C-alpha atoms as a PDB file:
ATOM      1  CA  UNK A   1     -92.989-154.014 -93.995  1.00  0.00           C
ATOM      2  CA  UNK A   2     -89.518-152.733 -93.186  1.00  0.00           C
ATOM      3  CA  UNK A   3     -89.253-150.424 -90.162  1.00  0.00           C
ATOM      4  CA  UNK A   4     -86.788-147.505 -90.168  1.00  0.00           C
ATOM      5  CA  UNK A   5     -83.377-148.449 -88.811  1.00  0.00           C
ATOM      6  CA  UNK A   6     -82.036-146.862 -85.648  1.00  0.00           C
ATOM      7  CA  UNK A   7     -79.039-144.596 -85.841  1.00  0.00           C
ATOM      8  CA  UNK A   8     -76.404-145.487 -83.285  1.00  0.00           C
ATOM      9  CA  UNK A   9     -74.440-142.537 -81.972  1.00  0.00           C
ATOM     10  CA  UNK A  10     -71.231-142.427 -80.023  1.00  0.00           C
ATOM     11  CA  UNK A  11     -71.601-141.094 -76.494  1.00  0.00           C
ATOM     12  CA  UNK A  12     -69.737-137.904 -77.373  1.00  0.00           C
ATOM     13  CA  UNK A  13     -71.873-137.206 -80.420  1.00  0.00           C
ATOM     14  CA  UNK A  14     -75.015-138.024 -78.425  1.00  0.00           C
ATOM     15  CA  UNK A  15     -74.048-135.547 -75.715  1.00  0.00           C
ATOM     16  CA  UNK A  16     -73.287-132.845 -78.281  1.00  0.00           C
ATOM     17  CA  UNK A  17     -76.574-133.380 -80.097  1.00  0.00           C
ATOM     18  CA  UNK A  18     -78.775-133.108 -77.018  1.00  0.00           C
ATOM     19  CA  UNK A  19     -76.791-130.255 -75.526  1.00  0.00           C
ATOM     20  CA  UNK A  20     -75.870-131.856 -72.226  1.00  0.00           C
ATOM     21  CA  UNK A  21     -73.539-129.524 -70.392  1.00  0.00           C
ATOM     22  CA  UNK A  22     -70.465-130.417 -68.398  1.00  0.00           C
ATOM     23  CA  UNK A  23     -72.584-130.380 -65.236  1.00  0.00           C
ATOM     24  CA  UNK A  24     -74.241-133.633 -66.318  1.00  0.00           C
ATOM     25  CA  UNK A  25     -71.979-136.376 -65.050  1.00  0.00           C
ATOM     26  CA  UNK A  26     -72.316-140.026 -65.914  1.00  0.00           C
ATOM     27  CA  UNK A  27     -72.893-141.879 -62.676  1.00  0.00           C
ATOM     28  CA  UNK A  28     -70.341-144.572 -61.966  1.00  0.00           C
ATOM     29  CA  UNK A  29     -73.304-146.681 -60.837  1.00  0.00           C
ATOM     30  CA  UNK A  30     -74.857-146.751 -64.317  1.00  0.00           C
ATOM     31  CA  UNK A  31     -74.108-150.037 -66.083  1.00  0.00           C
ATOM     32  CA  UNK A  32     -72.246-149.320 -69.299  1.00  0.00           C
ATOM     33  CA  UNK A  33     -74.763-151.243 -71.397  1.00  0.00           C
ATOM     34  CA  UNK A  34     -77.653-148.993 -70.543  1.00  0.00           C
ATOM     35  CA  UNK A  35     -78.871-145.705 -71.882  1.00  0.00           C
ATOM     36  CA  UNK A  36     -77.990-142.417 -70.251  1.00  0.00           C
ATOM     37  CA  UNK A  37     -81.053-140.205 -70.043  1.00  0.00           C
ATOM     38  CA  UNK A  38     -80.569-136.641 -68.820  1.00  0.00           C
ATOM     39  CA  UNK A  39     -83.297-135.555 -66.394  1.00  0.00           C
ATOM     40  CA  UNK A  40     -85.993-133.504 -68.055  1.00  0.00           C
ATOM     41  CA  UNK A  41     -89.599-132.727 -67.267  1.00  0.00           C
ATOM     42  CA  UNK A  42     -91.418-132.015 -70.530  1.00  0.00           C
ATOM     43  CA  UNK A  43     -94.016-134.778 -70.586  1.00  0.00           C
ATOM     44  CA  UNK A  44     -96.900-134.693 -73.020  1.00  0.00           C
ATOM     45  CA  UNK A  45    -100.374-135.953 -72.108  1.00  0.00           C
ATOM     46  CA  UNK A  46     -99.587-139.428 -73.462  1.00  0.00           C
ATOM     47  CA  UNK A  47     -96.955-140.145 -70.796  1.00  0.00           C
ATOM     48  CA  UNK A  48     -94.151-139.672 -73.306  1.00  0.00           C
ATOM     49  CA  UNK A  49     -91.207-137.483 -72.435  1.00  0.00           C
ATOM     50  CA  UNK A  50     -90.642-135.836 -75.828  1.00  0.00           C
ATOM     51  CA  UNK A  51     -87.192-134.456 -75.121  1.00  0.00           C
ATOM     52  CA  UNK A  52     -85.505-137.673 -74.016  1.00  0.00           C
ATOM     53  CA  UNK A  53     -83.611-139.852 -76.441  1.00  0.00           C
ATOM     54  CA  UNK A  54     -82.021-143.230 -75.897  1.00  0.00           C
ATOM     55  CA  UNK A  55     -78.494-144.261 -76.652  1.00  0.00           C
ATOM     56  CA  UNK A  56     -76.642-147.453 -75.875  1.00  0.00           C
ATOM     57  CA  UNK A  57     -73.388-149.314 -75.924  1.00  0.00           C
ATOM     58  CA  UNK A  58     -72.628-152.904 -76.792  1.00  0.00           C
ATOM     59  CA  UNK A  59     -71.247-154.301 -73.541  1.00  0.00           C
ATOM     60  CA  UNK A  60     -73.002-156.682 -71.166  1.00  0.00           C
ATOM     61  CA  UNK A  61     -74.826-155.106 -68.199  1.00  0.00           C
ATOM     62  CA  UNK A  62     -73.017-154.948 -64.854  1.00  0.00           C
ATOM     63  CA  UNK A  63     -75.312-155.944 -62.003  1.00  0.00           C
ATOM     64  CA  UNK A  64     -76.220-159.218 -60.327  1.00  0.00           C
ATOM     65  CA  UNK A  65     -79.298-160.887 -61.783  1.00  0.00           C
ATOM     66  CA  UNK A  66     -81.731-162.850 -59.654  1.00  0.00           C
ATOM     67  CA  UNK A  67     -81.776-166.531 -60.600  1.00  0.00           C
ATOM     68  CA  UNK A  68     -85.141-166.370 -62.368  1.00  0.00           C
ATOM     69  CA  UNK A  69     -86.325-164.798 -65.615  1.00  0.00           C
ATOM     70  CA  UNK A  70     -83.463-162.333 -66.173  1.00  0.00           C
ATOM     71  CA  UNK A  71     -85.106-159.639 -68.348  1.00  0.00           C
ATOM     72  CA  UNK A  72     -88.495-158.229 -69.335  1.00  0.00           C
ATOM     73  CA  UNK A  73     -89.166-156.424 -72.608  1.00  0.00           C
ATOM     74  CA  UNK A  74     -92.010-153.879 -72.773  1.00  0.00           C
ATOM     75  CA  UNK A  75     -93.109-152.533 -76.156  1.00  0.00           C
ATOM     76  CA  UNK A  76     -95.303-149.428 -75.819  1.00  0.00           C
ATOM     77  CA  UNK A  77     -97.875-148.092 -78.238  1.00  0.00           C
ATOM     78  CA  UNK A  78    -100.400-145.287 -78.323  1.00  0.00           C
ATOM     79  CA  UNK A  79    -103.085-145.214 -81.010  1.00  0.00           C
ATOM     80  CA  UNK A  80    -103.962-147.576 -83.843  1.00  0.00           C
ATOM     81  CA  UNK A  81    -100.880-146.935 -86.018  1.00  0.00           C
ATOM     82  CA  UNK A  82     -98.404-147.567 -83.193  1.00  0.00           C
ATOM     83  CA  UNK A  83    -100.440-150.584 -82.039  1.00  0.00           C
ATOM     84  CA  UNK A  84    -100.173-152.077 -85.519  1.00  0.00           C
ATOM     85  CA  UNK A  85     -96.416-151.411 -85.559  1.00  0.00           C
ATOM     86  CA  UNK A  86     -96.073-152.947 -82.070  1.00  0.00           C
ATOM     87  CA  UNK A  87     -97.922-156.102 -83.139  1.00  0.00           C
ATOM     88  CA  UNK A  88     -95.688-156.394 -86.211  1.00  0.00           C
ATOM     89  CA  UNK A  89     -92.605-156.132 -83.995  1.00  0.00           C
ATOM     90  CA  UNK A  90     -94.127-158.791 -81.712  1.00  0.00           C
ATOM     91  CA  UNK A  91     -94.545-161.207 -84.657  1.00  0.00           C
ATOM     92  CA  UNK A  92     -90.974-160.538 -85.790  1.00  0.00           C
ATOM     93  CA  UNK A  93     -89.646-161.190 -82.277  1.00  0.00           C
ATOM     94  CA  UNK A  94     -91.671-164.391 -81.924  1.00  0.00           C
ATOM     95  CA  UNK A  95     -90.020-165.687 -85.097  1.00  0.00           C
ATOM     96  CA  UNK A  96     -86.520-164.479 -84.198  1.00  0.00           C
ATOM     97  CA  UNK A  97     -86.628-165.472 -80.497  1.00  0.00           C
ATOM     98  CA  UNK A  98     -88.831-168.571 -80.113  1.00  0.00           C
ATOM     99  CA  UNK A  99     -87.325-169.168 -76.652  1.00  0.00           C
ATOM    100  CA  UNK A 100     -88.891-165.943 -75.308  1.00  0.00           C
ATOM    101  CA  UNK A 101     -92.285-165.906 -73.559  1.00  0.00           C
ATOM    102  CA  UNK A 102     -94.862-163.458 -74.930  1.00  0.00           C
ATOM    103  CA  UNK A 103     -97.729-162.249 -72.776  1.00  0.00           C
ATOM    104  CA  UNK A 104    -101.126-160.821 -73.765  1.00  0.00           C
ATOM    105  CA  UNK A 105    -101.098-157.221 -74.916  1.00  0.00           C
ATOM    106  CA  UNK A 106    -102.603-154.560 -72.646  1.00  0.00           C
ATOM    107  CA  UNK A 107    -104.606-151.881 -74.438  1.00  0.00           C
ATOM    108  CA  UNK A 108    -104.557-149.664 -71.354  1.00  0.00           C
ATOM    109  CA  UNK A 109    -101.961-148.414 -68.872  1.00  0.00           C
ATOM    110  CA  UNK A 110    -101.153-150.984 -66.181  1.00  0.00           C
ATOM    111  CA  UNK A 111     -98.861-150.881 -63.139  1.00  0.00           C
ATOM    112  CA  UNK A 112     -95.954-148.488 -63.720  1.00  0.00           C
ATOM    113  CA  UNK A 113     -96.582-148.433 -67.481  1.00  0.00           C
ATOM    114  CA  UNK A 114     -98.187-145.119 -68.561  1.00  0.00           C
ATOM    115  CA  UNK A 115     -99.508-146.241 -71.965  1.00  0.00           C
ATOM    116  CA  UNK A 116    -100.685-149.517 -73.556  1.00  0.00           C
ATOM    117  CA  UNK A 117     -98.006-152.140 -74.152  1.00  0.00           C
ATOM    118  CA  UNK A 118     -97.194-155.770 -74.623  1.00  0.00           C
ATOM    119  CA  UNK A 119     -94.579-157.671 -72.653  1.00  0.00           C
ATOM    120  CA  UNK A 120     -92.202-160.532 -73.270  1.00  0.00           C
ATOM    121  CA  UNK A 121     -89.501-162.051 -71.111  1.00  0.00           C
ATOM    122  CA  UNK A 122     -86.363-164.101 -71.564  1.00  0.00           C
ATOM    123  CA  UNK A 123     -88.128-167.328 -70.605  1.00  0.00           C
ATOM    124  CA  UNK A 124     -85.675-168.395 -67.927  1.00  0.00           C
ATOM    125  CA  UNK A 125     -82.334-167.750 -66.289  1.00  0.00           C
ATOM    126  CA  UNK A 126     -80.514-169.894 -68.854  1.00  0.00           C
ATOM    127  CA  UNK A 127     -81.197-167.198 -71.463  1.00  0.00           C
ATOM    128  CA  UNK A 128     -79.494-164.396 -69.515  1.00  0.00           C
ATOM    129  CA  UNK A 129     -76.550-164.341 -71.953  1.00  0.00           C
ATOM    130  CA  UNK A 130     -78.857-163.504 -74.859  1.00  0.00           C
ATOM    131  CA  UNK A 131     -79.167-159.874 -73.702  1.00  0.00           C
ATOM    132  CA  UNK A 132     -77.029-158.424 -76.531  1.00  0.00           C
ATOM    133  CA  UNK A 133     -78.860-160.426 -79.200  1.00  0.00           C
ATOM    134  CA  UNK A 134     -82.266-159.098 -78.100  1.00  0.00           C
ATOM    135  CA  UNK A 135     -81.015-155.552 -77.463  1.00  0.00           C
ATOM    136  CA  UNK A 136     -79.367-155.350 -80.885  1.00  0.00           C
ATOM    137  CA  UNK A 137     -82.532-156.575 -82.613  1.00  0.00           C
ATOM    138  CA  UNK A 138     -84.695-154.060 -80.744  1.00  0.00           C
ATOM    139  CA  UNK A 139     -82.294-151.201 -81.498  1.00  0.00           C
ATOM    140  CA  UNK A 140     -82.549-152.000 -85.192  1.00  0.00           C
ATOM    141  CA  UNK A 141     -86.264-152.795 -85.391  1.00  0.00           C
ATOM    142  CA  UNK A 142     -88.130-150.628 -82.858  1.00  0.00           C
ATOM    143  CA  UNK A 143     -89.124-148.093 -85.527  1.00  0.00           C
ATOM    144  CA  UNK A 144     -91.110-145.278 -83.907  1.00  0.00           C
ATOM    145  CA  UNK A 145     -91.929-147.325 -80.781  1.00  0.00           C
ATOM    146  CA  UNK A 146     -90.612-146.920 -77.250  1.00  0.00           C
ATOM    147  CA  UNK A 147     -89.169-150.163 -75.892  1.00  0.00           C
ATOM    148  CA  UNK A 148     -87.967-150.824 -72.360  1.00  0.00           C
ATOM    149  CA  UNK A 149     -85.753-153.764 -71.421  1.00  0.00           C
ATOM    150  CA  UNK A 150     -85.220-154.097 -67.704  1.00  0.00           C
ATOM    151  CA  UNK A 151     -83.495-156.752 -65.641  1.00  0.00           C
ATOM    152  CA  UNK A 152     -84.632-158.554 -62.530  1.00  0.00           C
ATOM    153  CA  UNK A 153     -81.560-157.787 -60.455  1.00  0.00           C
ATOM    154  CA  UNK A 154     -80.732-157.854 -56.788  1.00  0.00           C
ATOM    155  CA  UNK A 155     -80.878-154.032 -56.930  1.00  0.00           C
ATOM    156  CA  UNK A 156     -84.716-154.169 -56.809  1.00  0.00           C
ATOM    157  CA  UNK A 157     -87.608-153.040 -58.999  1.00  0.00           C
ATOM    158  CA  UNK A 158     -86.988-149.294 -58.706  1.00  0.00           C
ATOM    159  CA  UNK A 159     -83.344-149.580 -59.820  1.00  0.00           C
ATOM    160  CA  UNK A 160     -84.262-152.087 -62.518  1.00  0.00           C
ATOM    161  CA  UNK A 161     -86.755-149.644 -64.043  1.00  0.00           C
ATOM    162  CA  UNK A 162     -84.414-146.625 -63.735  1.00  0.00           C
ATOM    163  CA  UNK A 163     -80.610-146.900 -63.561  1.00  0.00           C
ATOM    164  CA  UNK A 164     -80.556-150.504 -64.855  1.00  0.00           C
ATOM    165  CA  UNK A 165     -83.101-149.896 -67.634  1.00  0.00           C
ATOM    166  CA  UNK A 166     -82.335-149.849 -71.341  1.00  0.00           C
ATOM    167  CA  UNK A 167     -84.565-147.816 -73.654  1.00  0.00           C
ATOM    168  CA  UNK A 168     -84.848-147.827 -77.439  1.00  0.00           C
ATOM    169  CA  UNK A 169     -86.826-144.870 -78.758  1.00  0.00           C
ATOM    170  CA  UNK A 170     -88.461-142.237 -76.589  1.00  0.00           C
ATOM    171  CA  UNK A 171     -88.112-142.712 -72.852  1.00  0.00           C
ATOM    172  CA  UNK A 172     -91.451-142.848 -71.047  1.00  0.00           C
ATOM    173  CA  UNK A 173     -92.093-141.517 -67.574  1.00  0.00           C
ATOM    174  CA  UNK A 174     -92.983-144.656 -65.662  1.00  0.00           C
ATOM    175  CA  UNK A 175     -95.148-144.458 -62.535  1.00  0.00           C
ATOM    176  CA  UNK A 176     -92.223-145.164 -60.233  1.00  0.00           C
ATOM    177  CA  UNK A 177     -93.951-144.060 -57.046  1.00  0.00           C
ATOM    178  CA  UNK A 178     -95.548-147.519 -56.794  1.00  0.00           C
ATOM    179  CA  UNK A 179     -92.105-149.137 -56.427  1.00  0.00           C
ATOM    180  CA  UNK A 180     -89.910-149.415 -53.354  1.00  0.00           C
ATOM    181  CA  UNK A 181     -86.627-147.525 -53.534  1.00  0.00           C
END
């Protein structure tokens, strides 16, 4: 089954579409490869922030990775239809990226993750340069799912799940209070 393709927008068009005013400044600390998400507070009861949208650019992230697994990928789902779509994406990724490690799915919220999800990682530090390949695939294939890719950088968990995070689809409100700032 073919999933809908993502529409990539230029930063200017993205800003115009979501109505960000001139008072929203891009932080110089945000890596250019990651999505800019204006702060909003309209969260539905599924942990999904309905008025946030992801955008991206094609450059490599700009932070220092720890010398371990460089990136985690979290694919979120809520309900049987999204779960089915998430498992289809998982199968596609297992075929496309056999070097990645795939972990058991979680049919309940766990840790900072507000809804069920499955997780994969880059399988080792040697795969750190494959960021663009995975990001591009996820941008094209995420369909209606929310997907988070976050690094394991020297900035720490809080930064890795916020300013260093890349989102495809709707941005979820993670339970960040459990992380050190």
